[in-house]
Amino acid sequence: MPEVVALTYFDNRVRGERFHCSSYLAGELAQKGLAREIEAHPKKAAGTKSSASPAAPASQKQTLSKSKAGRKPRRKRAASSSPTPPSE
């Protein structure tokens, strides 16, 4: 089934709407100027390579391995400035 795009409003189809239909119907719609058939696989664009830069390698922080125990290391507790009250 070819894909077609509506060129005008018809049969509850709005201009620019894409839909699939039989090859026969696609030909009839194209002949009447109501729709045109779209290529299933568009041709590759001609020209130069993309201007996008290549992907950067991952940083060392992102690739560090986990600890041997498999959990995050615990923070050391800061020394408390106030002593704990003696128990009675």
PDB file of N, CA and C in Angstrom:
ATOM      1  N   MET A   1       0.841  -1.181   0.000  1.00  0.00           N
ATOM      2  CA  MET A   1       0.000   0.000   0.000  1.00  0.00           C
ATOM      3  C   MET A   1       0.883   1.240   0.000  1.00  0.00           C
ATOM      4  N   PRO A   2       0.744   2.067  -0.975  1.00  0.00           N
ATOM      5  CA  PRO A   2       1.551   3.289  -1.019  1.00  0.00           C
ATOM      6  C   PRO A   2       1.022   4.339  -0.043  1.00  0.00           C
ATOM      7  N   GLU A   3       1.913   5.225   0.355  1.00  0.00           N
ATOM      8  CA  GLU A   3       1.521   6.346   1.200  1.00  0.00           C
ATOM      9  C   GLU A   3       1.320   7.554   0.304  1.00  0.00           C
ATOM     10  N   VAL A   4       0.252   8.297   0.549  1.00  0.00           N
ATOM     11  CA  VAL A   4      -0.043   9.486  -0.245  1.00  0.00           C
ATOM     12  C   VAL A   4      -0.241  10.665   0.699  1.00  0.00           C
ATOM     13  N   VAL A   5      -0.110  11.864   0.144  1.00  0.00           N
ATOM     14  CA  VAL A   5      -0.344  13.082   0.916  1.00  0.00           C
ATOM     15  C   VAL A   5      -1.437  13.872   0.197  1.00  0.00           C
ATOM     16  N   ALA A   6      -2.411  14.352   0.971  1.00  0.00           N
ATOM     17  CA  ALA A   6      -3.524  15.102   0.407  1.00  0.00           C
ATOM     18  C   ALA A   6      -3.066  16.490  -0.015  1.00  0.00           C
ATOM     19  N   LEU A   7      -3.425  16.893  -1.238  1.00  0.00           N
ATOM     20  CA  LEU A   7      -3.087  18.226  -1.736  1.00  0.00           C
ATOM     21  C   LEU A   7      -4.201  19.222  -1.469  1.00  0.00           C
ATOM     22  N   THR A   8      -5.422  18.727  -1.325  1.00  0.00           N
ATOM     23  CA  THR A   8      -6.580  19.572  -1.011  1.00  0.00           C
ATOM     24  C   THR A   8      -7.466  18.833  -0.022  1.00  0.00           C
ATOM     25  N   TYR A   9      -8.472  19.516   0.493  1.00  0.00           N
ATOM     26  CA  TYR A   9      -9.433  18.902   1.393  1.00  0.00           C
ATOM     27  C   TYR A   9     -10.373  18.021   0.586  1.00  0.00           C
ATOM     28  N   PHE A  10     -10.517  16.768   0.960  1.00  0.00           N
ATOM     29  CA  PHE A  10     -11.482  15.858   0.351  1.00  0.00           C
ATOM     30  C   PHE A  10     -11.734  14.694   1.292  1.00  0.00           C
ATOM     31  N   ASP A  11     -12.953  14.161   1.260  1.00  0.00           N
ATOM     32  CA  ASP A  11     -13.297  12.948   2.009  1.00  0.00           C
ATOM     33  C   ASP A  11     -12.807  12.989   3.463  1.00  0.00           C
ATOM     34  N   ASN A  12     -13.003  14.098   4.152  1.00  0.00           N
ATOM     35  CA  ASN A  12     -12.560  14.301   5.531  1.00  0.00           C
ATOM     36  C   ASN A  12     -11.041  14.219   5.691  1.00  0.00           C
ATOM     37  N   ARG A  13     -10.317  14.454   4.633  1.00  0.00           N
ATOM     38  CA  ARG A  13      -8.847  14.518   4.675  1.00  0.00           C
ATOM     39  C   ARG A  13      -8.463  15.985   4.552  1.00  0.00           C
ATOM     40  N   VAL A  14      -7.531  16.416   5.368  1.00  0.00           N
ATOM     41  CA  VAL A  14      -7.086  17.805   5.311  1.00  0.00           C
ATOM     42  C   VAL A  14      -5.818  17.905   4.469  1.00  0.00           C
ATOM     43  N   ARG A  15      -5.543  19.086   3.988  1.00  0.00           N
ATOM     44  CA  ARG A  15      -4.365  19.311   3.150  1.00  0.00           C
ATOM     45  C   ARG A  15      -3.106  18.964   3.941  1.00  0.00           C
ATOM     46  N   GLY A  16      -2.211  18.178   3.355  1.00  0.00           N
ATOM     47  CA  GLY A  16      -0.966  17.781   4.001  1.00  0.00           C
ATOM     48  C   GLY A  16      -1.054  16.491   4.791  1.00  0.00           C
ATOM     49  N   GLU A  17      -2.248  15.942   4.949  1.00  0.00           N
ATOM     50  CA  GLU A  17      -2.410  14.701   5.701  1.00  0.00           C
ATOM     51  C   GLU A  17      -1.837  13.522   4.916  1.00  0.00           C
ATOM     52  N   ARG A  18      -1.106  12.666   5.597  1.00  0.00           N
ATOM     53  CA  ARG A  18      -0.537  11.466   4.970  1.00  0.00           C
ATOM     54  C   ARG A  18      -1.387  10.267   5.350  1.00  0.00           C
ATOM     55  N   PHE A  19      -1.637   9.401   4.393  1.00  0.00           N
ATOM     56  CA  PHE A  19      -2.405   8.191   4.666  1.00  0.00           C
ATOM     57  C   PHE A  19      -2.055   7.118   3.651  1.00  0.00           C
ATOM     58  N   HIS A  20      -2.393   5.879   3.977  1.00  0.00           N
ATOM     59  CA  HIS A  20      -2.145   4.744   3.100  1.00  0.00           C
ATOM     60  C   HIS A  20      -3.440   4.372   2.391  1.00  0.00           C
ATOM     61  N   CYS A  21      -3.324   3.977   1.140  1.00  0.00           N
ATOM     62  CA  CYS A  21      -4.480   3.523   0.379  1.00  0.00           C
ATOM     63  C   CYS A  21      -3.993   2.549  -0.693  1.00  0.00           C
ATOM     64  N   SER A  22      -4.925   1.970  -1.429  1.00  0.00           N
ATOM     65  CA  SER A  22      -4.551   1.020  -2.469  1.00  0.00           C
ATOM     66  C   SER A  22      -3.841   1.744  -3.612  1.00  0.00           C
ATOM     67  N   SER A  23      -3.087   0.983  -4.385  1.00  0.00           N
ATOM     68  CA  SER A  23      -2.370   1.563  -5.527  1.00  0.00           C
ATOM     69  C   SER A  23      -3.349   2.172  -6.529  1.00  0.00           C
ATOM     70  N   TYR A  24      -4.486   1.501  -6.724  1.00  0.00           N
ATOM     71  CA  TYR A  24      -5.492   1.995  -7.658  1.00  0.00           C
ATOM     72  C   TYR A  24      -6.028   3.355  -7.200  1.00  0.00           C
ATOM     73  N   LEU A  25      -6.403   3.443  -5.916  1.00  0.00           N
ATOM     74  CA  LEU A  25      -6.956   4.690  -5.386  1.00  0.00           C
ATOM     75  C   LEU A  25      -5.904   5.806  -5.412  1.00  0.00           C
ATOM     76  N   ALA A  26      -4.653   5.470  -5.111  1.00  0.00           N
ATOM     77  CA  ALA A  26      -3.582   6.469  -5.156  1.00  0.00           C
ATOM     78  C   ALA A  26      -3.440   7.038  -6.563  1.00  0.00           C
ATOM     79  N   GLY A  27      -3.539   6.177  -7.577  1.00  0.00           N
ATOM     80  CA  GLY A  27      -3.459   6.629  -8.964  1.00  0.00           C
ATOM     81  C   GLY A  27      -4.630   7.517  -9.341  1.00  0.00           C
ATOM     82  N   GLU A  28      -5.834   7.146  -8.905  1.00  0.00           N
ATOM     83  CA  GLU A  28      -7.035   7.943  -9.184  1.00  0.00           C
ATOM     84  C   GLU A  28      -6.946   9.329  -8.527  1.00  0.00           C
ATOM     85  N   LEU A  29      -6.512   9.357  -7.272  1.00  0.00           N
ATOM     86  CA  LEU A  29      -6.402  10.631  -6.560  1.00  0.00           C
ATOM     87  C   LEU A  29      -5.342  11.529  -7.197  1.00  0.00           C
ATOM     88  N   ALA A  30      -4.228  10.944  -7.621  1.00  0.00           N
ATOM     89  CA  ALA A  30      -3.169  11.712  -8.274  1.00  0.00           C
ATOM     90  C   ALA A  30      -3.653  12.255  -9.614  1.00  0.00           C
ATOM     91  N   GLN A  31      -4.420  11.455 -10.360  1.00  0.00           N
ATOM     92  CA  GLN A  31      -4.934  11.878 -11.670  1.00  0.00           C
ATOM     93  C   GLN A  31      -5.903  13.055 -11.525  1.00  0.00           C
ATOM     94  N   LYS A  32      -6.667  13.063 -10.422  1.00  0.00           N
ATOM     95  CA  LYS A  32      -7.630  14.147 -10.195  1.00  0.00           C
ATOM     96  C   LYS A  32      -6.998  15.349  -9.493  1.00  0.00           C
ATOM     97  N   GLY A  33      -5.733  15.223  -9.086  1.00  0.00           N
ATOM     98  CA  GLY A  33      -5.049  16.331  -8.438  1.00  0.00           C
ATOM     99  C   GLY A  33      -5.396  16.506  -6.969  1.00  0.00           C
ATOM    100  N   LEU A  34      -5.939  15.456  -6.360  1.00  0.00           N
ATOM    101  CA  LEU A  34      -6.317  15.541  -4.952  1.00  0.00           C
ATOM    102  C   LEU A  34      -5.194  15.110  -4.013  1.00  0.00           C
ATOM    103  N   ALA A  35      -4.310  14.255  -4.497  1.00  0.00           N
ATOM    104  CA  ALA A  35      -3.219  13.746  -3.657  1.00  0.00           C
ATOM    105  C   ALA A  35      -2.043  13.374  -4.540  1.00  0.00           C
ATOM    106  N   ARG A  36      -0.892  13.208  -3.904  1.00  0.00           N
ATOM    107  CA  ARG A  36       0.266  12.721  -4.646  1.00  0.00           C
ATOM    108  C   ARG A  36       0.917  11.616  -3.831  1.00  0.00           C
ATOM    109  N   GLU A  37       1.519  10.679  -4.538  1.00  0.00           N
ATOM    110  CA  GLU A  37       2.140   9.531  -3.895  1.00  0.00           C
ATOM    111  C   GLU A  37       3.510   9.917  -3.348  1.00  0.00           C
ATOM    112  N   ILE A  38       3.843   9.390  -2.185  1.00  0.00           N
ATOM    113  CA  ILE A  38       5.127   9.649  -1.537  1.00  0.00           C
ATOM    114  C   ILE A  38       5.966   8.386  -1.678  1.00  0.00           C
ATOM    115  N   GLU A  39       7.260   8.574  -1.952  1.00  0.00           N
ATOM    116  CA  GLU A  39       8.154   7.422  -2.051  1.00  0.00           C
ATOM    117  C   GLU A  39       8.272   6.754  -0.692  1.00  0.00           C
ATOM    118  N   ALA A  40       8.273   5.416  -0.701  1.00  0.00           N
ATOM    119  CA  ALA A  40       8.378   4.672   0.544  1.00  0.00           C
ATOM    120  C   ALA A  40       9.737   4.882   1.200  1.00  0.00           C
ATOM    121  N   HIS A  41      10.792   4.880   0.389  1.00  0.00           N
ATOM    122  CA  HIS A  41      12.134   5.077   0.905  1.00  0.00           C
ATOM    123  C   HIS A  41      12.738   6.276   0.184  1.00  0.00           C
ATOM    124  N   PRO A  42      12.740   7.455   0.829  1.00  0.00           N
ATOM    125  CA  PRO A  42      13.284   8.632   0.159  1.00  0.00           C
ATOM    126  C   PRO A  42      14.758   8.452  -0.172  1.00  0.00           C
ATOM    127  N   LYS A  43      15.174   9.078  -1.251  1.00  0.00           N
ATOM    128  CA  LYS A  43      16.563   8.982  -1.678  1.00  0.00           C
ATOM    129  C   LYS A  43      17.455   9.703  -0.674  1.00  0.00           C
ATOM    130  N   LYS A  44      18.675   9.224  -0.584  1.00  0.00           N
ATOM    131  CA  LYS A  44      19.633   9.844   0.325  1.00  0.00           C
ATOM    132  C   LYS A  44      19.954  11.246  -0.177  1.00  0.00           C
ATOM    133  N   ALA A  45      20.026  12.175   0.733  1.00  0.00           N
ATOM    134  CA  ALA A  45      20.289  13.557   0.367  1.00  0.00           C
ATOM    135  C   ALA A  45      21.691  13.689  -0.220  1.00  0.00           C
ATOM    136  N   ALA A  46      21.785  14.415  -1.296  1.00  0.00           N
ATOM    137  CA  ALA A  46      23.087  14.641  -1.923  1.00  0.00           C
ATOM    138  C   ALA A  46      23.797  15.767  -1.204  1.00  0.00           C
ATOM    139  N   GLY A  47      25.102  15.781  -1.283  1.00  0.00           N
ATOM    140  CA  GLY A  47      25.849  16.874  -0.680  1.00  0.00           C
ATOM    141  C   GLY A  47      26.964  16.384   0.197  1.00  0.00           C
ATOM    142  N   THR A  48      27.409  17.275   1.064  1.00  0.00           N
ATOM    143  CA  THR A  48      28.546  16.962   1.922  1.00  0.00           C
ATOM    144  C   THR A  48      28.090  16.257   3.183  1.00  0.00           C
ATOM    145  N   LYS A  49      29.055  15.828   3.979  1.00  0.00           N
ATOM    146  CA  LYS A  49      28.759  15.156   5.236  1.00  0.00           C
ATOM    147  C   LYS A  49      28.087  16.121   6.207  1.00  0.00           C
ATOM    148  N   SER A  50      27.482  15.562   7.210  1.00  0.00           N
ATOM    149  CA  SER A  50      26.818  16.356   8.236  1.00  0.00           C
ATOM    150  C   SER A  50      27.833  17.220   8.966  1.00  0.00           C
ATOM    151  N   SER A  51      27.405  18.398   9.393  1.00  0.00           N
ATOM    152  CA  SER A  51      28.298  19.309  10.092  1.00  0.00           C
ATOM    153  C   SER A  51      28.356  19.003  11.585  1.00  0.00           C
ATOM    154  N   ALA A  52      27.590  18.013  12.030  1.00  0.00           N
ATOM    155  CA  ALA A  52      27.586  17.671  13.447  1.00  0.00           C
ATOM    156  C   ALA A  52      28.944  17.115  13.852  1.00  0.00           C
ATOM    157  N   SER A  53      29.399  17.491  15.025  1.00  0.00           N
ATOM    158  CA  SER A  53      30.701  17.018  15.488  1.00  0.00           C
ATOM    159  C   SER A  53      30.583  15.579  15.981  1.00  0.00           C
ATOM    160  N   PRO A  54      31.664  14.806  15.915  1.00  0.00           N
ATOM    161  CA  PRO A  54      31.611  13.427  16.391  1.00  0.00           C
ATOM    162  C   PRO A  54      31.431  13.385  17.901  1.00  0.00           C
ATOM    163  N   ALA A  55      30.962  12.278  18.414  1.00  0.00           N
ATOM    164  CA  ALA A  55      30.717  12.143  19.842  1.00  0.00           C
ATOM    165  C   ALA A  55      32.025  12.172  20.608  1.00  0.00           C
ATOM    166  N   ALA A  56      32.007  12.846  21.760  1.00  0.00           N
ATOM    167  CA  ALA A  56      33.200  12.944  22.599  1.00  0.00           C
ATOM    168  C   ALA A  56      33.320  11.683  23.455  1.00  0.00           C
ATOM    169  N   PRO A  57      34.540  11.268  23.797  1.00  0.00           N
ATOM    170  CA  PRO A  57      34.693  10.102  24.665  1.00  0.00           C
ATOM    171  C   PRO A  57      34.169  10.404  26.064  1.00  0.00           C
ATOM    172  N   ALA A  58      33.772   9.375  26.787  1.00  0.00           N
ATOM    173  CA  ALA A  58      33.226   9.549  28.131  1.00  0.00           C
ATOM    174  C   ALA A  58      34.316  10.026  29.074  1.00  0.00           C
ATOM    175  N   SER A  59      33.938  10.854  30.039  1.00  0.00           N
ATOM    176  CA  SER A  59      34.918  11.379  30.987  1.00  0.00           C
ATOM    177  C   SER A  59      35.273  10.311  32.015  1.00  0.00           C
ATOM    178  N   GLN A  60      36.383  10.502  32.712  1.00  0.00           N
ATOM    179  CA  GLN A  60      36.859   9.549  33.704  1.00  0.00           C
ATOM    180  C   GLN A  60      35.840   9.402  34.826  1.00  0.00           C
ATOM    181  N   LYS A  61      35.180  10.489  35.211  1.00  0.00           N
ATOM    182  CA  LYS A  61      34.195  10.424  36.293  1.00  0.00           C
ATOM    183  C   LYS A  61      33.045   9.482  35.949  1.00  0.00           C
ATOM    184  N   GLN A  62      32.669   9.448  34.690  1.00  0.00           N
ATOM    185  CA  GLN A  62      31.536   8.613  34.287  1.00  0.00           C
ATOM    186  C   GLN A  62      31.918   7.144  34.180  1.00  0.00           C
ATOM    187  N   THR A  63      33.195   6.844  34.017  1.00  0.00           N
ATOM    188  CA  THR A  63      33.603   5.461  33.790  1.00  0.00           C
ATOM    189  C   THR A  63      34.277   4.821  34.993  1.00  0.00           C
ATOM    190  N   LEU A  64      34.292   5.488  36.155  1.00  0.00           N
ATOM    191  CA  LEU A  64      34.900   4.903  37.340  1.00  0.00           C
ATOM    192  C   LEU A  64      34.129   3.662  37.754  1.00  0.00           C
ATOM    193  N   SER A  65      34.854   2.675  38.240  1.00  0.00           N
ATOM    194  CA  SER A  65      34.199   1.437  38.664  1.00  0.00           C
ATOM    195  C   SER A  65      33.692   1.581  40.092  1.00  0.00           C
ATOM    196  N   LYS A  66      32.776   0.704  40.474  1.00  0.00           N
ATOM    197  CA  LYS A  66      32.227   0.736  41.822  1.00  0.00           C
ATOM    198  C   LYS A  66      33.264   0.225  42.807  1.00  0.00           C
ATOM    199  N   SER A  67      32.989   0.438  44.083  1.00  0.00           N
ATOM    200  CA  SER A  67      33.887  -0.069  45.110  1.00  0.00           C
ATOM    201  C   SER A  67      33.813  -1.593  45.130  1.00  0.00           C
ATOM    202  N   LYS A  68      34.772  -2.224  45.796  1.00  0.00           N
ATOM    203  CA  LYS A  68      34.819  -3.685  45.831  1.00  0.00           C
ATOM    204  C   LYS A  68      33.580  -4.268  46.497  1.00  0.00           C
ATOM    205  N   ALA A  69      33.040  -3.586  47.484  1.00  0.00           N
ATOM    206  CA  ALA A  69      31.866  -4.081  48.195  1.00  0.00           C
ATOM    207  C   ALA A  69      30.590  -3.835  47.390  1.00  0.00           C
ATOM    208  N   GLY A  70      30.666  -3.016  46.343  1.00  0.00           N
ATOM    209  CA  GLY A  70      29.502  -2.769  45.511  1.00  0.00           C
ATOM    210  C   GLY A  70      28.618  -1.651  46.005  1.00  0.00           C
ATOM    211  N   ARG A  71      29.079  -0.893  46.964  1.00  0.00           N
ATOM    212  CA  ARG A  71      28.276   0.229  47.457  1.00  0.00           C
ATOM    213  C   ARG A  71      29.122   1.485  47.484  1.00  0.00           C
ATOM    214  N   LYS A  72      28.452   2.597  47.664  1.00  0.00           N
ATOM    215  CA  LYS A  72      29.165   3.866  47.727  1.00  0.00           C
ATOM    216  C   LYS A  72      29.967   3.940  49.026  1.00  0.00           C
ATOM    217  N   PRO A  73      31.128   4.574  48.984  1.00  0.00           N
ATOM    218  CA  PRO A  73      31.895   4.704  50.221  1.00  0.00           C
ATOM    219  C   PRO A  73      31.171   5.632  51.201  1.00  0.00           C
ATOM    220  N   ARG A  74      31.282   5.314  52.498  1.00  0.00           N
ATOM    221  CA  ARG A  74      30.628   6.135  53.521  1.00  0.00           C
ATOM    222  C   ARG A  74      31.430   7.398  53.790  1.00  0.00           C
ATOM    223  N   ARG A  75      30.707   8.423  54.163  1.00  0.00           N
ATOM    224  CA  ARG A  75      31.377   9.667  54.557  1.00  0.00           C
ATOM    225  C   ARG A  75      31.894   9.511  55.984  1.00  0.00           C
ATOM    226  N   LYS A  76      33.031  10.105  56.219  1.00  0.00           N
ATOM    227  CA  LYS A  76      33.552  10.099  57.587  1.00  0.00           C
ATOM    228  C   LYS A  76      32.802  11.151  58.375  1.00  0.00           C
ATOM    229  N   ARG A  77      32.464  10.797  59.596  1.00  0.00           N
ATOM    230  CA  ARG A  77      31.734  11.741  60.433  1.00  0.00           C
ATOM    231  C   ARG A  77      32.693  12.780  60.972  1.00  0.00           C
ATOM    232  N   ALA A  78      32.233  14.008  60.984  1.00  0.00           N
ATOM    233  CA  ALA A  78      33.050  15.096  61.530  1.00  0.00           C
ATOM    234  C   ALA A  78      33.054  14.995  63.048  1.00  0.00           C
ATOM    235  N   ALA A  79      34.149  15.362  63.629  1.00  0.00           N
ATOM    236  CA  ALA A  79      34.245  15.326  65.090  1.00  0.00           C
ATOM    237  C   ALA A  79      33.273  16.330  65.669  1.00  0.00           C
ATOM    238  N   SER A  80      32.526  15.901  66.632  1.00  0.00           N
ATOM    239  CA  SER A  80      31.532  16.759  67.252  1.00  0.00           C
ATOM    240  C   SER A  80      32.209  17.719  68.202  1.00  0.00           C
ATOM    241  N   SER A  81      31.835  18.986  68.195  1.00  0.00           N
ATOM    242  CA  SER A  81      32.451  19.983  69.068  1.00  0.00           C
ATOM    243  C   SER A  81      31.856  19.917  70.475  1.00  0.00           C
ATOM    244  N   SER A  82      30.627  19.427  70.586  1.00  0.00           N
ATOM    245  CA  SER A  82      30.019  19.317  71.915  1.00  0.00           C
ATOM    246  C   SER A  82      30.094  17.868  72.367  1.00  0.00           C
ATOM    247  N   PRO A  83      30.620  17.614  73.534  1.00  0.00           N
ATOM    248  CA  PRO A  83      30.705  16.233  74.022  1.00  0.00           C
ATOM    249  C   PRO A  83      29.319  15.706  74.364  1.00  0.00           C
ATOM    250  N   THR A  84      29.172  14.416  74.282  1.00  0.00           N
ATOM    251  CA  THR A  84      27.881  13.802  74.641  1.00  0.00           C
ATOM    252  C   THR A  84      27.740  13.801  76.147  1.00  0.00           C
ATOM    253  N   PRO A  85      26.517  13.983  76.636  1.00  0.00           N
ATOM    254  CA  PRO A  85      26.346  13.997  78.096  1.00  0.00           C
ATOM    255  C   PRO A  85      26.616  12.598  78.683  1.00  0.00           C
ATOM    256  N   PRO A  86      27.206  12.562  79.840  1.00  0.00           N
ATOM    257  CA  PRO A  86      27.496  11.252  80.457  1.00  0.00           C
ATOM    258  C   PRO A  86      26.189  10.559  80.824  1.00  0.00           C
ATOM    259  N   SER A  87      26.176   9.261  80.729  1.00  0.00           N
ATOM    260  CA  SER A  87      24.966   8.514  81.067  1.00  0.00           C
ATOM    261  C   SER A  87      24.941   8.267  82.573  1.00  0.00           C
ATOM    262  N   GLU A  88      23.750   8.214  83.118  1.00  0.00           N
ATOM    263  CA  GLU A  88      23.597   8.090  84.553  1.00  0.00           C
ATOM    264  C   GLU A  88      23.497   6.675  84.987  1.00  0.00           C
TER     265      GLU A  88
END
